[in-house]
Structures are given as structure tokens and as C-alpha cells.
């Protein structure tokens, strides 16, 4: 996945943006079928679900190619905020130096569990850390969001059904209403 555009301090050329993730390309790669450039991780993820190149062409080779030194050098010279800017790090660094800075950044969380959960609390919290619990909390939040969206969808569907029933009732009680509705809708129907 590419780098977020808001992390940069200069104008970003469109040739540096991955059309899949809409970020600045990380590990720029050329797709062998359509010859377009993407983040390597984005392209591999796209292939895994699609079986086609992002342009829609059937792929014959699932091998990525380096995007070329010019693009890689231009991206590596961009100035970017540290990964831990939200935690207080104010360092602005070239992309090429980001990885080494992040490894030693004083704002880096002290504890990172093997499952990828990032814990920013003290050592005592590390001893109580439970990845399954953290993931279950995140899952509950997603499930709640899905439930809320399902309720909204149901409400919208009910309102549409009521509107359809009202229009049908109006047509039965006043046949000329159909002419009025058709004249109102005709600009939208081709």
C-alpha cells in the first residue's frame, strides 16, 4: 500500500500515484500486461482477487517488474512525515531514509506484539496484552457499523416501498397523475 498523500511536503506528480490505493507508490512496480505502474503490494493483492491486470486485460504472467530507476529515485527524494507523526514525532525525512528513522524513532511504541497489534502503553500493559481481545474489540466495532448500515438500508427500503405505494394509490385515484409523473420523470429517462 502506498504512502498517504497528506504526509508529503511538496507537490506530488500524478506519475508517482498508485491508481489502486491512491497513495504515493511504495515499491513502484510495472504490471507486465498493461505496463502501468502500481505499488507492488497493491498489484499483488489485486491479482489475488481479480486474475486480471487493473486495466481489465487478462494476465498471462504474475511477475512484477521494477518501475525503473527514474521513478524510484524521484519518490525516494520526496519529503515525508514520520510514521509516528500522530504520536508526536515532528521529523520530516526523505522517503529513502524513512525506514531507518522509523526503526529508531523515539515515538515508536515500546511494544509490538508478534500478531501485529501495536500497544503504546507501559510494560505492565505488555504483560496483560491479549491479541485476541484486541481483535475481538475491533471486530465488534465493525459488526456494530455493519448493523447500523443494515438498519439504515432497511429504513430506506421501507421509505421507498411507501413512496411506491403512495404513487400507485395516486394513480388509481387520479389517472391524470400518471401523466404528471411521467412529465416530471421524462428528462431523466432516455
C-alpha atoms as a PDB file:
ATOM      1  CA  UNK A   1       0.000   0.000   0.000  1.00  0.00           C
ATOM      2  CA  UNK A   2       1.241   3.455  -0.868  1.00  0.00           C
ATOM      3  CA  UNK A   3       2.079   6.395   1.347  1.00  0.00           C
ATOM      4  CA  UNK A   4      -0.787   8.756   2.251  1.00  0.00           C
ATOM      5  CA  UNK A   5      -0.650  11.953   0.178  1.00  0.00           C
ATOM      6  CA  UNK A   6      -1.108  14.210   3.245  1.00  0.00           C
ATOM      7  CA  UNK A   7       2.223  13.010   4.634  1.00  0.00           C
ATOM      8  CA  UNK A   8       4.205  14.848   1.946  1.00  0.00           C
ATOM      9  CA  UNK A   9       5.507  18.403   1.919  1.00  0.00           C
ATOM     10  CA  UNK A  10       5.767  19.006  -1.805  1.00  0.00           C
ATOM     11  CA  UNK A  11       3.557  18.725  -4.851  1.00  0.00           C
ATOM     12  CA  UNK A  12       3.241  15.107  -5.931  1.00  0.00           C
ATOM     13  CA  UNK A  13       3.322  14.269  -9.632  1.00  0.00           C
ATOM     14  CA  UNK A  14       0.455  12.071 -10.816  1.00  0.00           C
ATOM     15  CA  UNK A  15       3.061   9.650 -12.219  1.00  0.00           C
ATOM     16  CA  UNK A  16       4.008   8.827  -8.596  1.00  0.00           C
ATOM     17  CA  UNK A  17       0.477   7.903  -7.512  1.00  0.00           C
ATOM     18  CA  UNK A  18      -0.759   4.311  -7.494  1.00  0.00           C
ATOM     19  CA  UNK A  19      -4.170   4.186  -9.132  1.00  0.00           C
ATOM     20  CA  UNK A  20      -5.202   1.304  -6.877  1.00  0.00           C
ATOM     21  CA  UNK A  21      -4.580   2.786  -3.414  1.00  0.00           C
ATOM     22  CA  UNK A  22      -4.383   6.467  -4.494  1.00  0.00           C
ATOM     23  CA  UNK A  23      -1.210   6.934  -2.429  1.00  0.00           C
ATOM     24  CA  UNK A  24       2.376   7.645  -3.439  1.00  0.00           C
ATOM     25  CA  UNK A  25       3.758   4.347  -4.702  1.00  0.00           C
ATOM     26  CA  UNK A  26       5.652   2.192  -2.237  1.00  0.00           C
ATOM     27  CA  UNK A  27       7.996  -0.203  -4.063  1.00  0.00           C
ATOM     28  CA  UNK A  28       6.900   1.027  -7.549  1.00  0.00           C
ATOM     29  CA  UNK A  29       6.283  -1.901  -9.863  1.00  0.00           C
ATOM     30  CA  UNK A  30       5.365  -2.260 -13.539  1.00  0.00           C
ATOM     31  CA  UNK A  31       2.484  -4.601 -14.392  1.00  0.00           C
ATOM     32  CA  UNK A  32       3.730  -6.802 -17.286  1.00  0.00           C
ATOM     33  CA  UNK A  33       0.448  -6.910 -19.239  1.00  0.00           C
ATOM     34  CA  UNK A  34      -0.651  -3.255 -19.308  1.00  0.00           C
ATOM     35  CA  UNK A  35       2.776  -1.752 -18.474  1.00  0.00           C
ATOM     36  CA  UNK A  36       1.251   0.615 -15.896  1.00  0.00           C
ATOM     37  CA  UNK A  37       2.911   1.294 -12.556  1.00  0.00           C
ATOM     38  CA  UNK A  38       1.494   0.450  -9.118  1.00  0.00           C
ATOM     39  CA  UNK A  39       2.654  -0.278  -5.564  1.00  0.00           C
ATOM     40  CA  UNK A  40       3.967  -3.823  -5.535  1.00  0.00           C
ATOM     41  CA  UNK A  41       1.684  -4.840  -2.624  1.00  0.00           C
ATOM     42  CA  UNK A  42      -1.384  -3.269  -4.289  1.00  0.00           C
ATOM     43  CA  UNK A  43      -0.743  -5.083  -7.562  1.00  0.00           C
ATOM     44  CA  UNK A  44      -0.184  -8.467  -5.934  1.00  0.00           C
ATOM     45  CA  UNK A  45      -3.350  -8.012  -3.833  1.00  0.00           C
ATOM     46  CA  UNK A  46      -5.328  -7.011  -6.942  1.00  0.00           C
ATOM     47  CA  UNK A  47      -4.117 -10.068  -8.840  1.00  0.00           C
ATOM     48  CA  UNK A  48      -5.066 -12.357  -5.973  1.00  0.00           C
ATOM     49  CA  UNK A  49      -8.739 -11.356  -6.210  1.00  0.00           C
ATOM     50  CA  UNK A  50      -9.078 -10.457  -9.875  1.00  0.00           C
ATOM     51  CA  UNK A  51      -6.978 -12.634 -12.151  1.00  0.00           C
ATOM     52  CA  UNK A  52      -6.666  -9.622 -14.469  1.00  0.00           C
ATOM     53  CA  UNK A  53      -4.467  -6.584 -14.643  1.00  0.00           C
ATOM     54  CA  UNK A  54      -6.029  -3.407 -13.182  1.00  0.00           C
ATOM     55  CA  UNK A  55      -6.795  -2.257 -16.754  1.00  0.00           C
ATOM     56  CA  UNK A  56      -9.014  -5.315 -17.201  1.00  0.00           C
ATOM     57  CA  UNK A  57      -6.750  -7.296 -19.519  1.00  0.00           C
ATOM     58  CA  UNK A  58      -6.295 -10.997 -18.848  1.00  0.00           C
ATOM     59  CA  UNK A  59      -2.871 -11.559 -17.298  1.00  0.00           C
ATOM     60  CA  UNK A  60      -0.505 -14.150 -18.613  1.00  0.00           C
ATOM     61  CA  UNK A  61       2.399 -13.569 -16.209  1.00  0.00           C
ATOM     62  CA  UNK A  62       2.094 -12.854 -12.491  1.00  0.00           C
ATOM     63  CA  UNK A  63       5.537 -11.376 -12.172  1.00  0.00           C
ATOM     64  CA  UNK A  64       6.222  -7.790 -11.263  1.00  0.00           C
ATOM     65  CA  UNK A  65       8.968  -5.695 -12.780  1.00  0.00           C
ATOM     66  CA  UNK A  66      10.844  -2.776 -11.268  1.00  0.00           C
ATOM     67  CA  UNK A  67       9.265   0.514 -12.352  1.00  0.00           C
ATOM     68  CA  UNK A  68      12.626   1.900 -13.380  1.00  0.00           C
ATOM     69  CA  UNK A  69      15.271   3.923 -11.583  1.00  0.00           C
ATOM     70  CA  UNK A  70      13.937   7.363 -12.541  1.00  0.00           C
ATOM     71  CA  UNK A  71      10.577   6.943 -10.767  1.00  0.00           C
ATOM     72  CA  UNK A  72      12.162   5.161  -7.785  1.00  0.00           C
ATOM     73  CA  UNK A  73      14.717   7.952  -7.316  1.00  0.00           C
ATOM     74  CA  UNK A  74      12.100  10.699  -7.614  1.00  0.00           C
ATOM     75  CA  UNK A  75       9.903   9.024  -4.982  1.00  0.00           C
ATOM     76  CA  UNK A  76      12.837   8.292  -2.666  1.00  0.00           C
ATOM     77  CA  UNK A  77      13.760  12.017  -2.669  1.00  0.00           C
ATOM     78  CA  UNK A  78      10.315  13.193  -1.547  1.00  0.00           C
ATOM     79  CA  UNK A  79       9.980  14.578   1.989  1.00  0.00           C
ATOM     80  CA  UNK A  80       7.548  12.683   4.225  1.00  0.00           C
ATOM     81  CA  UNK A  81       6.340  12.807   7.835  1.00  0.00           C
ATOM     82  CA  UNK A  82       7.424  10.025  10.169  1.00  0.00           C
ATOM     83  CA  UNK A  83       5.046   7.064  10.570  1.00  0.00           C
ATOM     84  CA  UNK A  84       4.603   8.183  14.182  1.00  0.00           C
ATOM     85  CA  UNK A  85       3.646  11.811  13.445  1.00  0.00           C
ATOM     86  CA  UNK A  86       0.262  11.203  15.110  1.00  0.00           C
ATOM     87  CA  UNK A  87       2.134  10.175  18.259  1.00  0.00           C
ATOM     88  CA  UNK A  88       4.126  13.420  18.292  1.00  0.00           C
ATOM     89  CA  UNK A  89       7.151  12.879  16.019  1.00  0.00           C
ATOM     90  CA  UNK A  90       7.777  16.053  14.003  1.00  0.00           C
ATOM     91  CA  UNK A  91      10.568  14.639  11.825  1.00  0.00           C
ATOM     92  CA  UNK A  92      10.257  15.250   8.100  1.00  0.00           C
ATOM     93  CA  UNK A  93      12.576  12.942   6.222  1.00  0.00           C
ATOM     94  CA  UNK A  94      13.252  11.696   2.707  1.00  0.00           C
ATOM     95  CA  UNK A  95      11.366   8.531   1.803  1.00  0.00           C
ATOM     96  CA  UNK A  96      14.661   6.708   1.264  1.00  0.00           C
ATOM     97  CA  UNK A  97      15.602   7.337   4.932  1.00  0.00           C
ATOM     98  CA  UNK A  98      12.161   6.684   6.428  1.00  0.00           C
ATOM     99  CA  UNK A  99      12.632   3.007   7.284  1.00  0.00           C
ATOM    100  CA  UNK A 100      15.821   3.587   9.290  1.00  0.00           C
ATOM    101  CA  UNK A 101      14.292   6.570  11.114  1.00  0.00           C
ATOM    102  CA  UNK A 102      11.103   4.656  11.979  1.00  0.00           C
ATOM    103  CA  UNK A 103      13.150   1.775  13.417  1.00  0.00           C
ATOM    104  CA  UNK A 104      14.776   4.171  15.902  1.00  0.00           C
ATOM    105  CA  UNK A 105      12.062   6.807  16.302  1.00  0.00           C
ATOM    106  CA  UNK A 106      11.621   7.817  19.955  1.00  0.00           C
ATOM    107  CA  UNK A 107       7.850   7.913  19.377  1.00  0.00           C
ATOM    108  CA  UNK A 108       7.744   4.293  18.221  1.00  0.00           C
ATOM    109  CA  UNK A 109       5.590   2.188  20.549  1.00  0.00           C
ATOM    110  CA  UNK A 110       7.718   0.279  23.040  1.00  0.00           C
ATOM    111  CA  UNK A 111       5.885  -2.955  22.462  1.00  0.00           C
ATOM    112  CA  UNK A 112       4.765  -4.555  19.240  1.00  0.00           C
ATOM    113  CA  UNK A 113       3.281  -7.994  19.549  1.00  0.00           C
ATOM    114  CA  UNK A 114       4.008 -10.766  17.079  1.00  0.00           C
ATOM    115  CA  UNK A 115       0.457 -10.670  15.717  1.00  0.00           C
ATOM    116  CA  UNK A 116       0.881  -7.051  14.636  1.00  0.00           C
ATOM    117  CA  UNK A 117      -1.097  -5.354  17.393  1.00  0.00           C
ATOM    118  CA  UNK A 118       0.611  -2.153  18.425  1.00  0.00           C
ATOM    119  CA  UNK A 119       0.488  -1.366  22.103  1.00  0.00           C
ATOM    120  CA  UNK A 120       1.636   2.042  23.236  1.00  0.00           C
ATOM    121  CA  UNK A 121       1.167   1.633  26.981  1.00  0.00           C
ATOM    122  CA  UNK A 122       3.667   0.696  29.687  1.00  0.00           C
ATOM    123  CA  UNK A 123       5.446  -2.594  30.322  1.00  0.00           C
ATOM    124  CA  UNK A 124       2.738  -3.655  32.765  1.00  0.00           C
ATOM    125  CA  UNK A 125       0.225  -3.383  29.906  1.00  0.00           C
ATOM    126  CA  UNK A 126       2.517  -5.553  27.781  1.00  0.00           C
ATOM    127  CA  UNK A 127       2.186  -8.362  30.307  1.00  0.00           C
ATOM    128  CA  UNK A 128      -1.613  -8.151  30.146  1.00  0.00           C
ATOM    129  CA  UNK A 129      -1.772  -7.758  26.356  1.00  0.00           C
ATOM    130  CA  UNK A 130      -4.170 -10.142  24.714  1.00  0.00           C
ATOM    131  CA  UNK A 131      -4.245 -10.003  20.896  1.00  0.00           C
ATOM    132  CA  UNK A 132      -7.489 -11.937  20.694  1.00  0.00           C
ATOM    133  CA  UNK A 133      -9.187  -9.452  22.998  1.00  0.00           C
ATOM    134  CA  UNK A 134      -7.872  -6.504  20.945  1.00  0.00           C
ATOM    135  CA  UNK A 135      -9.023  -8.115  17.692  1.00  0.00           C
ATOM    136  CA  UNK A 136     -12.424  -9.021  19.183  1.00  0.00           C
ATOM    137  CA  UNK A 137     -12.970  -5.375  20.198  1.00  0.00           C
ATOM    138  CA  UNK A 138     -12.091  -4.238  16.672  1.00  0.00           C
ATOM    139  CA  UNK A 139     -14.421  -6.895  15.237  1.00  0.00           C
ATOM    140  CA  UNK A 140     -17.276  -5.740  17.500  1.00  0.00           C
ATOM    141  CA  UNK A 141     -16.844  -2.173  16.230  1.00  0.00           C
ATOM    142  CA  UNK A 142     -17.013  -3.366  12.620  1.00  0.00           C
ATOM    143  CA  UNK A 143     -20.048  -5.551  13.361  1.00  0.00           C
ATOM    144  CA  UNK A 144     -21.801  -2.586  15.024  1.00  0.00           C
ATOM    145  CA  UNK A 145     -21.106  -0.443  11.958  1.00  0.00           C
ATOM    146  CA  UNK A 146     -22.486  -3.167   9.687  1.00  0.00           C
ATOM    147  CA  UNK A 147     -25.629  -3.445  11.846  1.00  0.00           C
ATOM    148  CA  UNK A 148     -26.156   0.326  11.726  1.00  0.00           C
ATOM    149  CA  UNK A 149     -25.769   0.302   7.935  1.00  0.00           C
ATOM    150  CA  UNK A 150     -28.218  -2.616   7.628  1.00  0.00           C
ATOM    151  CA  UNK A 151     -30.771  -0.692   9.712  1.00  0.00           C
ATOM    152  CA  UNK A 152     -30.304   2.387   7.531  1.00  0.00           C
ATOM    153  CA  UNK A 153     -30.722   0.270   4.394  1.00  0.00           C
ATOM    154  CA  UNK A 154     -33.919  -1.244   5.792  1.00  0.00           C
ATOM    155  CA  UNK A 155     -35.324   2.206   6.626  1.00  0.00           C
ATOM    156  CA  UNK A 156     -34.514   3.495   3.151  1.00  0.00           C
ATOM    157  CA  UNK A 157     -36.102   0.428   1.564  1.00  0.00           C
ATOM    158  CA  UNK A 158     -39.252   0.875   3.706  1.00  0.00           C
ATOM    159  CA  UNK A 159     -39.480   4.538   2.673  1.00  0.00           C
ATOM    160  CA  UNK A 160     -39.087   3.607  -0.996  1.00  0.00           C
ATOM    161  CA  UNK A 161     -41.822   0.980  -0.688  1.00  0.00           C
ATOM    162  CA  UNK A 162     -44.123   3.513   0.987  1.00  0.00           C
ATOM    163  CA  UNK A 163     -43.390   6.031  -1.775  1.00  0.00           C
ATOM    164  CA  UNK A 164     -44.150   3.425  -4.444  1.00  0.00           C
ATOM    165  CA  UNK A 165     -47.412   2.509  -2.695  1.00  0.00           C
ATOM    166  CA  UNK A 166     -48.394   6.180  -2.441  1.00  0.00           C
ATOM    167  CA  UNK A 167     -47.685   6.740  -6.143  1.00  0.00           C
ATOM    168  CA  UNK A 168     -49.725   3.656  -7.024  1.00  0.00           C
ATOM    169  CA  UNK A 169     -52.612   4.883  -4.854  1.00  0.00           C
ATOM    170  CA  UNK A 170     -52.441   8.296  -6.520  1.00  0.00           C
ATOM    171  CA  UNK A 171     -52.561   6.636  -9.961  1.00  0.00           C
ATOM    172  CA  UNK A 172     -55.666   4.655  -9.013  1.00  0.00           C
ATOM    173  CA  UNK A 173     -57.492   7.647  -7.537  1.00  0.00           C
ATOM    174  CA  UNK A 174     -56.442  10.126 -10.205  1.00  0.00           C
ATOM    175  CA  UNK A 175     -55.416   8.663 -13.586  1.00  0.00           C
ATOM    176  CA  UNK A 176     -54.103  12.036 -14.796  1.00  0.00           C
ATOM    177  CA  UNK A 177     -51.445  11.945 -12.056  1.00  0.00           C
ATOM    178  CA  UNK A 178     -49.629   9.372 -14.200  1.00  0.00           C
ATOM    179  CA  UNK A 179     -49.255  11.989 -16.951  1.00  0.00           C
ATOM    180  CA  UNK A 180     -47.855  14.498 -14.431  1.00  0.00           C
ATOM    181  CA  UNK A 181     -45.393  11.939 -13.017  1.00  0.00           C
ATOM    182  CA  UNK A 182     -44.274  10.931 -16.497  1.00  0.00           C
ATOM    183  CA  UNK A 183     -43.671  14.556 -17.482  1.00  0.00           C
ATOM    184  CA  UNK A 184     -41.637  15.112 -14.290  1.00  0.00           C
ATOM    185  CA  UNK A 185     -39.541  11.980 -14.862  1.00  0.00           C
ATOM    186  CA  UNK A 186     -39.105  12.234 -18.636  1.00  0.00           C
ATOM    187  CA  UNK A 187     -35.949  14.410 -18.501  1.00  0.00           C
ATOM    188  CA  UNK A 188     -34.274  11.636 -16.505  1.00  0.00           C
ATOM    189  CA  UNK A 189     -35.376   8.726 -18.691  1.00  0.00           C
ATOM    190  CA  UNK A 190     -33.649   8.117 -22.014  1.00  0.00           C
END
